[in-house]
Each structure stands twice: as C-alpha cells, then as structure tokens.
C-alpha cells in the first residue's frame, strides 16, 4: 500500500505518516514496485497509526498520542 493510499484510508496526511515513521513509532518495509520503492505496512502498524492520529486530533502531543496508542493496543478499553 502506498503512503498516499494509507493516508487517504485513515484520514491523515502523507507528511503525518512520514513523521510517525521518522519518530520511530512504526517501521515500514520498503519493497520494489515496478521502478519505485513503496512502503509496506503491517496491519498492526496501521491500527497503531490510526490510534496515534485519533489522539493527535484530540489535542495530544505526538509522544503522548504514541504512548496512549501503545497502551490502547496492549490494554484495550471496553466500549
């Protein structure tokens, strides 16, 4: 999945996804697609990105949003 496709799917920008990766919150795999290298994301990474973006939209800093996303993935709340 290209970064623009994932960004569109989860309602984030490609720059936000690149920043999340640059911060080390997730690590994508690069694979060759025709003449280009594209990112490949695991389903667990996509879920984590969705949560980070959700918490960012609620006003948390990147680091706090990452911590809250990690906590949510390890100890999900019942809703």
C-alpha atoms as a PDB file:
ATOM      1  CA  UNK A   1       0.000   0.000   0.000  1.00  0.00           C
ATOM      2  CA  UNK A   2       1.390   3.378  -0.949  1.00  0.00           C
ATOM      3  CA  UNK A   3       1.684   6.027   1.707  1.00  0.00           C
ATOM      4  CA  UNK A   4      -0.886   8.221  -0.059  1.00  0.00           C
ATOM      5  CA  UNK A   5      -3.370   5.328  -0.131  1.00  0.00           C
ATOM      6  CA  UNK A   6      -2.932   4.688   3.581  1.00  0.00           C
ATOM      7  CA  UNK A   7      -3.169   8.397   4.373  1.00  0.00           C
ATOM      8  CA  UNK A   8      -6.432   8.656   2.455  1.00  0.00           C
ATOM      9  CA  UNK A   9      -7.789   5.489   4.090  1.00  0.00           C
ATOM     10  CA  UNK A  10      -7.219   6.698   7.663  1.00  0.00           C
ATOM     11  CA  UNK A  11      -7.763  10.427   7.161  1.00  0.00           C
ATOM     12  CA  UNK A  12      -4.201  11.571   7.734  1.00  0.00           C
ATOM     13  CA  UNK A  13      -1.654  13.286   5.549  1.00  0.00           C
ATOM     14  CA  UNK A  14       1.345  11.570   3.996  1.00  0.00           C
ATOM     15  CA  UNK A  15       3.531  14.031   5.911  1.00  0.00           C
ATOM     16  CA  UNK A  16       1.982  12.878   9.200  1.00  0.00           C
ATOM     17  CA  UNK A  17       2.710   9.254   8.305  1.00  0.00           C
ATOM     18  CA  UNK A  18       6.301  10.091   7.391  1.00  0.00           C
ATOM     19  CA  UNK A  19       6.686  11.962  10.692  1.00  0.00           C
ATOM     20  CA  UNK A  20       5.328   8.997  12.669  1.00  0.00           C
ATOM     21  CA  UNK A  21       7.875   6.796  10.952  1.00  0.00           C
ATOM     22  CA  UNK A  22      10.685   9.326  11.444  1.00  0.00           C
ATOM     23  CA  UNK A  23       9.899   9.470  15.174  1.00  0.00           C
ATOM     24  CA  UNK A  24      10.310   5.683  15.290  1.00  0.00           C
ATOM     25  CA  UNK A  25       6.721   4.980  16.341  1.00  0.00           C
ATOM     26  CA  UNK A  26       6.377   2.468  13.487  1.00  0.00           C
ATOM     27  CA  UNK A  27       8.708   0.974  10.923  1.00  0.00           C
ATOM     28  CA  UNK A  28       7.530   0.275   7.419  1.00  0.00           C
ATOM     29  CA  UNK A  29       9.191  -2.084   4.988  1.00  0.00           C
ATOM     30  CA  UNK A  30      10.301  -0.800   1.614  1.00  0.00           C
ATOM     31  CA  UNK A  31       9.532  -3.021  -1.376  1.00  0.00           C
ATOM     32  CA  UNK A  32      10.153  -2.550  -5.061  1.00  0.00           C
ATOM     33  CA  UNK A  33       7.072  -1.912  -7.194  1.00  0.00           C
ATOM     34  CA  UNK A  34       7.997  -1.552 -10.846  1.00  0.00           C
ATOM     35  CA  UNK A  35      10.625   1.206 -10.835  1.00  0.00           C
ATOM     36  CA  UNK A  36       9.756   2.649  -7.419  1.00  0.00           C
ATOM     37  CA  UNK A  37      10.195   1.684  -3.818  1.00  0.00           C
ATOM     38  CA  UNK A  38       6.990   1.831  -1.793  1.00  0.00           C
ATOM     39  CA  UNK A  39       6.239   1.383   1.867  1.00  0.00           C
ATOM     40  CA  UNK A  40       4.537  -1.741   3.141  1.00  0.00           C
ATOM     41  CA  UNK A  41       2.706  -1.557   6.444  1.00  0.00           C
ATOM     42  CA  UNK A  42       1.659  -4.420   8.693  1.00  0.00           C
ATOM     43  CA  UNK A  43      -1.942  -4.453   9.912  1.00  0.00           C
ATOM     44  CA  UNK A  44      -0.731  -3.883  13.485  1.00  0.00           C
ATOM     45  CA  UNK A  45       1.157  -0.763  12.348  1.00  0.00           C
ATOM     46  CA  UNK A  46      -1.903   0.550  10.526  1.00  0.00           C
ATOM     47  CA  UNK A  47      -4.007   0.162  13.676  1.00  0.00           C
ATOM     48  CA  UNK A  48      -1.330   1.938  15.725  1.00  0.00           C
ATOM     49  CA  UNK A  49      -1.169   4.790  13.204  1.00  0.00           C
ATOM     50  CA  UNK A  50      -4.969   5.136  13.323  1.00  0.00           C
ATOM     51  CA  UNK A  51      -4.857   5.459  17.100  1.00  0.00           C
ATOM     52  CA  UNK A  52      -1.967   7.941  17.066  1.00  0.00           C
ATOM     53  CA  UNK A  53      -3.831  10.130  14.576  1.00  0.00           C
ATOM     54  CA  UNK A  54      -7.035   9.848  16.653  1.00  0.00           C
ATOM     55  CA  UNK A  55      -5.224  11.027  19.795  1.00  0.00           C
ATOM     56  CA  UNK A  56      -3.446  13.812  17.869  1.00  0.00           C
ATOM     57  CA  UNK A  57      -6.841  15.053  16.667  1.00  0.00           C
ATOM     58  CA  UNK A  58      -7.893  15.165  20.317  1.00  0.00           C
ATOM     59  CA  UNK A  59      -5.024  17.585  21.004  1.00  0.00           C
ATOM     60  CA  UNK A  60      -2.335  15.345  22.461  1.00  0.00           C
ATOM     61  CA  UNK A  61       1.327  15.772  21.541  1.00  0.00           C
ATOM     62  CA  UNK A  62       2.929  13.218  19.245  1.00  0.00           C
ATOM     63  CA  UNK A  63       4.707  11.471  22.110  1.00  0.00           C
ATOM     64  CA  UNK A  64       1.617  11.340  24.317  1.00  0.00           C
ATOM     65  CA  UNK A  65      -0.507  10.171  21.374  1.00  0.00           C
ATOM     66  CA  UNK A  66       2.024   7.387  20.712  1.00  0.00           C
ATOM     67  CA  UNK A  67       2.052   6.353  24.373  1.00  0.00           C
ATOM     68  CA  UNK A  68      -1.747   6.318  24.527  1.00  0.00           C
ATOM     69  CA  UNK A  69      -1.946   4.303  21.291  1.00  0.00           C
ATOM     70  CA  UNK A  70       0.570   1.780  22.602  1.00  0.00           C
ATOM     71  CA  UNK A  71      -1.351   1.488  25.855  1.00  0.00           C
ATOM     72  CA  UNK A  72      -4.640   1.044  23.985  1.00  0.00           C
ATOM     73  CA  UNK A  73      -3.152  -1.734  21.870  1.00  0.00           C
ATOM     74  CA  UNK A  74      -1.783  -3.600  24.887  1.00  0.00           C
ATOM     75  CA  UNK A  75      -4.766  -2.973  27.189  1.00  0.00           C
ATOM     76  CA  UNK A  76      -7.839  -2.213  25.061  1.00  0.00           C
ATOM     77  CA  UNK A  77     -10.711  -0.470  26.777  1.00  0.00           C
ATOM     78  CA  UNK A  78     -14.186  -1.921  26.592  1.00  0.00           C
ATOM     79  CA  UNK A  79     -16.517   0.384  24.689  1.00  0.00           C
END
